[in-house]
N, C-alpha and C. Protein backbone atom coordinates (compact mmCIF):
# COMPACT_ATOMS: atom_id res chain seq x y z
N MET A 1 219.55 35.71 -113.22
CA MET A 1 218.68 34.91 -114.05
C MET A 1 217.41 34.59 -113.25
N ILE A 2 216.24 34.84 -113.82
CA ILE A 2 214.96 34.55 -113.18
C ILE A 2 214.63 33.09 -113.38
N PRO A 3 214.31 32.36 -112.30
CA PRO A 3 213.95 30.95 -112.44
C PRO A 3 212.72 30.77 -113.31
N VAL A 4 212.72 29.77 -114.16
CA VAL A 4 211.62 29.52 -115.09
C VAL A 4 210.32 29.21 -114.35
N GLU A 5 210.40 28.51 -113.23
CA GLU A 5 209.22 28.09 -112.50
C GLU A 5 208.59 29.19 -111.65
N LEU A 6 209.12 30.40 -111.70
CA LEU A 6 208.63 31.50 -110.89
C LEU A 6 207.19 31.85 -111.26
N GLU A 7 206.34 32.00 -110.24
CA GLU A 7 204.93 32.31 -110.47
C GLU A 7 204.63 33.76 -110.09
N LEU A 8 203.69 34.32 -110.81
CA LEU A 8 203.23 35.67 -110.53
C LEU A 8 202.16 35.61 -109.44
N GLU A 9 202.30 36.45 -108.42
CA GLU A 9 201.29 36.57 -107.37
C GLU A 9 200.53 37.88 -107.61
N VAL A 10 199.21 37.81 -107.69
CA VAL A 10 198.39 39.00 -107.91
C VAL A 10 197.51 39.20 -106.68
N VAL A 11 197.60 40.38 -106.07
CA VAL A 11 196.83 40.70 -104.87
C VAL A 11 196.10 42.01 -105.11
N THR A 12 194.79 42.02 -104.89
CA THR A 12 194.00 43.23 -105.03
C THR A 12 193.42 43.63 -103.68
N ASP A 13 193.63 44.89 -103.31
CA ASP A 13 193.04 45.45 -102.09
C ASP A 13 192.05 46.52 -102.50
N TYR A 14 190.88 46.50 -101.90
CA TYR A 14 189.86 47.52 -102.15
C TYR A 14 189.99 48.56 -101.05
N LEU A 15 190.48 49.75 -101.41
CA LEU A 15 190.85 50.77 -100.44
C LEU A 15 189.66 51.58 -99.94
N SER A 16 188.77 51.94 -100.82
CA SER A 16 187.58 52.70 -100.46
C SER A 16 186.58 52.52 -101.59
N GLU A 17 185.49 53.22 -101.50
CA GLU A 17 184.44 53.06 -102.50
C GLU A 17 184.96 53.36 -103.91
N GLY A 18 185.04 52.33 -104.74
CA GLY A 18 185.46 52.50 -106.12
C GLY A 18 186.97 52.56 -106.34
N GLU A 19 187.77 52.50 -105.30
CA GLU A 19 189.23 52.59 -105.45
C GLU A 19 189.86 51.25 -105.09
N SER A 20 190.79 50.82 -105.95
CA SER A 20 191.48 49.55 -105.69
C SER A 20 192.96 49.69 -105.98
N GLU A 21 193.75 48.79 -105.38
CA GLU A 21 195.18 48.73 -105.61
C GLU A 21 195.52 47.27 -105.89
N THR A 22 196.10 47.02 -107.06
CA THR A 22 196.46 45.66 -107.45
C THR A 22 197.97 45.57 -107.55
N SER A 23 198.52 44.55 -106.90
CA SER A 23 199.96 44.33 -106.89
C SER A 23 200.28 43.06 -107.68
N TYR A 24 201.18 43.19 -108.64
CA TYR A 24 201.67 42.06 -109.43
C TYR A 24 203.09 41.79 -108.95
N ARG A 25 203.31 40.66 -108.26
CA ARG A 25 204.54 40.46 -107.50
C ARG A 25 205.26 39.16 -107.86
N TYR A 26 206.56 39.29 -108.00
CA TYR A 26 207.45 38.13 -108.13
C TYR A 26 208.41 38.16 -106.94
N GLN A 27 208.64 37.00 -106.33
CA GLN A 27 209.62 36.87 -105.25
C GLN A 27 210.43 35.61 -105.49
N TRP A 28 211.72 35.70 -105.30
CA TRP A 28 212.53 34.50 -105.42
C TRP A 28 213.84 34.68 -104.68
N ALA A 29 214.46 33.55 -104.38
CA ALA A 29 215.77 33.53 -103.72
C ALA A 29 216.62 32.49 -104.44
N LYS A 30 217.88 32.83 -104.68
CA LYS A 30 218.78 31.91 -105.35
C LYS A 30 220.21 32.32 -105.04
N ASP A 31 221.04 31.35 -104.70
CA ASP A 31 222.47 31.57 -104.48
C ASP A 31 222.74 32.70 -103.47
N GLY A 32 221.96 32.74 -102.37
CA GLY A 32 222.17 33.75 -101.34
C GLY A 32 221.62 35.12 -101.66
N ARG A 33 220.91 35.26 -102.75
CA ARG A 33 220.33 36.54 -103.15
C ARG A 33 218.81 36.42 -103.12
N SER A 34 218.14 37.39 -102.49
CA SER A 34 216.68 37.43 -102.44
C SER A 34 216.20 38.65 -103.22
N ILE A 35 215.13 38.46 -104.00
CA ILE A 35 214.63 39.53 -104.86
C ILE A 35 213.11 39.61 -104.75
N LEU A 36 212.59 40.83 -104.63
CA LEU A 36 211.16 41.10 -104.69
C LEU A 36 210.96 42.16 -105.76
N ALA A 37 210.14 41.87 -106.74
CA ALA A 37 209.81 42.83 -107.79
C ALA A 37 208.30 42.98 -107.79
N ASP A 38 207.82 44.22 -107.78
CA ASP A 38 206.41 44.50 -107.56
C ASP A 38 205.96 45.65 -108.46
N GLU A 39 204.88 45.45 -109.21
CA GLU A 39 204.24 46.53 -109.95
C GLU A 39 202.89 46.77 -109.30
N VAL A 40 202.61 48.01 -108.92
CA VAL A 40 201.37 48.33 -108.23
C VAL A 40 200.54 49.27 -109.10
N LYS A 41 199.27 48.91 -109.27
CA LYS A 41 198.35 49.70 -110.08
C LYS A 41 197.23 50.22 -109.17
N ASN A 42 197.09 51.55 -109.09
CA ASN A 42 196.01 52.18 -108.34
C ASN A 42 194.94 52.61 -109.33
N GLU A 43 193.70 52.32 -109.01
CA GLU A 43 192.62 52.59 -109.95
C GLU A 43 191.38 53.07 -109.20
N ILE A 44 190.77 54.12 -109.72
CA ILE A 44 189.48 54.60 -109.22
C ILE A 44 188.48 54.34 -110.33
N ASN A 45 187.51 53.51 -110.05
CA ASN A 45 186.57 53.05 -111.07
C ASN A 45 185.38 53.99 -111.20
N ASP A 46 185.66 55.23 -111.63
CA ASP A 46 184.59 56.20 -111.82
C ASP A 46 184.37 56.53 -113.30
N GLY A 47 185.17 55.90 -114.17
CA GLY A 47 185.02 56.14 -115.60
C GLY A 47 185.77 57.34 -116.14
N THR A 48 186.31 58.19 -115.27
CA THR A 48 187.03 59.38 -115.75
C THR A 48 188.45 59.49 -115.23
N THR A 49 188.75 58.93 -114.07
CA THR A 49 190.08 59.05 -113.46
C THR A 49 191.01 57.98 -114.04
N PRO A 50 192.13 58.39 -114.63
CA PRO A 50 193.07 57.38 -115.16
C PRO A 50 193.76 56.64 -114.01
N TYR A 51 194.16 55.42 -114.29
CA TYR A 51 194.87 54.65 -113.28
C TYR A 51 196.33 55.10 -113.23
N SER A 52 197.01 54.78 -112.14
CA SER A 52 198.44 55.08 -112.02
C SER A 52 199.15 53.80 -111.63
N THR A 53 200.41 53.69 -112.04
CA THR A 53 201.21 52.53 -111.67
C THR A 53 202.58 52.99 -111.17
N TYR A 54 203.16 52.17 -110.35
CA TYR A 54 204.55 52.39 -109.97
C TYR A 54 205.21 51.04 -109.76
N LEU A 55 206.51 51.05 -109.84
CA LEU A 55 207.31 49.84 -109.68
C LEU A 55 208.18 49.97 -108.44
N ARG A 56 208.41 48.84 -107.81
CA ARG A 56 209.34 48.84 -106.68
C ARG A 56 210.02 47.47 -106.64
N GLY A 57 211.21 47.45 -106.14
CA GLY A 57 211.93 46.20 -106.04
C GLY A 57 212.98 46.28 -104.95
N VAL A 58 213.30 45.15 -104.40
CA VAL A 58 214.34 45.06 -103.37
C VAL A 58 215.23 43.88 -103.74
N ILE A 59 216.53 44.10 -103.71
CA ILE A 59 217.50 43.04 -103.93
C ILE A 59 218.37 42.96 -102.69
N VAL A 60 218.45 41.79 -102.07
CA VAL A 60 219.30 41.59 -100.91
C VAL A 60 220.32 40.53 -101.28
N ASP A 61 221.59 40.90 -101.20
CA ASP A 61 222.69 40.00 -101.56
C ASP A 61 223.65 39.97 -100.38
N GLY A 62 223.53 38.91 -99.58
CA GLY A 62 224.36 38.83 -98.37
C GLY A 62 223.95 39.89 -97.39
N ASP A 63 224.88 40.78 -97.01
CA ASP A 63 224.56 41.84 -96.06
C ASP A 63 224.33 43.19 -96.74
N ARG A 64 224.23 43.20 -98.06
CA ARG A 64 223.98 44.44 -98.82
C ARG A 64 222.59 44.38 -99.43
N GLY A 65 222.00 45.53 -99.62
CA GLY A 65 220.68 45.59 -100.24
C GLY A 65 220.55 46.79 -101.15
N VAL A 66 219.64 46.68 -102.11
CA VAL A 66 219.36 47.77 -103.04
C VAL A 66 217.85 47.91 -103.12
N LEU A 67 217.34 49.14 -102.99
CA LEU A 67 215.93 49.44 -103.15
C LEU A 67 215.75 50.15 -104.48
N LEU A 68 214.82 49.68 -105.29
CA LEU A 68 214.54 50.27 -106.59
C LEU A 68 213.08 50.72 -106.61
N THR A 69 212.81 51.96 -107.01
CA THR A 69 211.43 52.43 -107.16
C THR A 69 211.33 53.27 -108.41
N GLY A 70 210.15 53.31 -108.99
CA GLY A 70 209.94 54.11 -110.18
C GLY A 70 208.48 54.48 -110.35
N ARG A 71 208.23 55.66 -110.89
CA ARG A 71 206.87 56.12 -111.17
C ARG A 71 206.96 57.10 -112.33
N ASP A 72 206.07 56.91 -113.30
CA ASP A 72 206.07 57.75 -114.49
C ASP A 72 207.47 57.75 -115.12
N ASP A 73 208.11 58.91 -115.23
CA ASP A 73 209.43 58.99 -115.86
C ASP A 73 210.56 59.15 -114.85
N THR A 74 210.34 58.75 -113.59
CA THR A 74 211.36 58.91 -112.58
C THR A 74 211.74 57.56 -111.98
N ALA A 75 212.94 57.49 -111.46
CA ALA A 75 213.40 56.28 -110.80
C ALA A 75 214.32 56.66 -109.65
N LEU A 76 214.36 55.83 -108.63
CA LEU A 76 215.22 56.04 -107.48
C LEU A 76 215.87 54.71 -107.14
N ILE A 77 217.18 54.73 -106.96
CA ILE A 77 217.93 53.55 -106.55
C ILE A 77 218.69 53.91 -105.28
N VAL A 78 218.46 53.14 -104.23
CA VAL A 78 219.13 53.37 -102.94
C VAL A 78 219.95 52.12 -102.64
N ASP A 79 221.26 52.31 -102.53
CA ASP A 79 222.18 51.20 -102.25
C ASP A 79 222.61 51.30 -100.79
N GLY A 80 222.53 50.17 -100.08
CA GLY A 80 222.92 50.27 -98.68
C GLY A 80 223.26 48.94 -98.08
């Protein structure tokens, strides 16, 4: 369950001339579980290049962790 008071953190990095990466991030910890969920949007502001997005997340529960990533129509889950 996501806590109601959870706030969205938005961070934009300017990588080079006309290119930026914006991260929309939620982080929370509850009952011994820590979660980071992140959507990253890469954009080149030239008027013709479409932007791209990908998702990533990490769940840590005690001494176990799961890495989640996705882009376009693919996803990867690593349990460890």
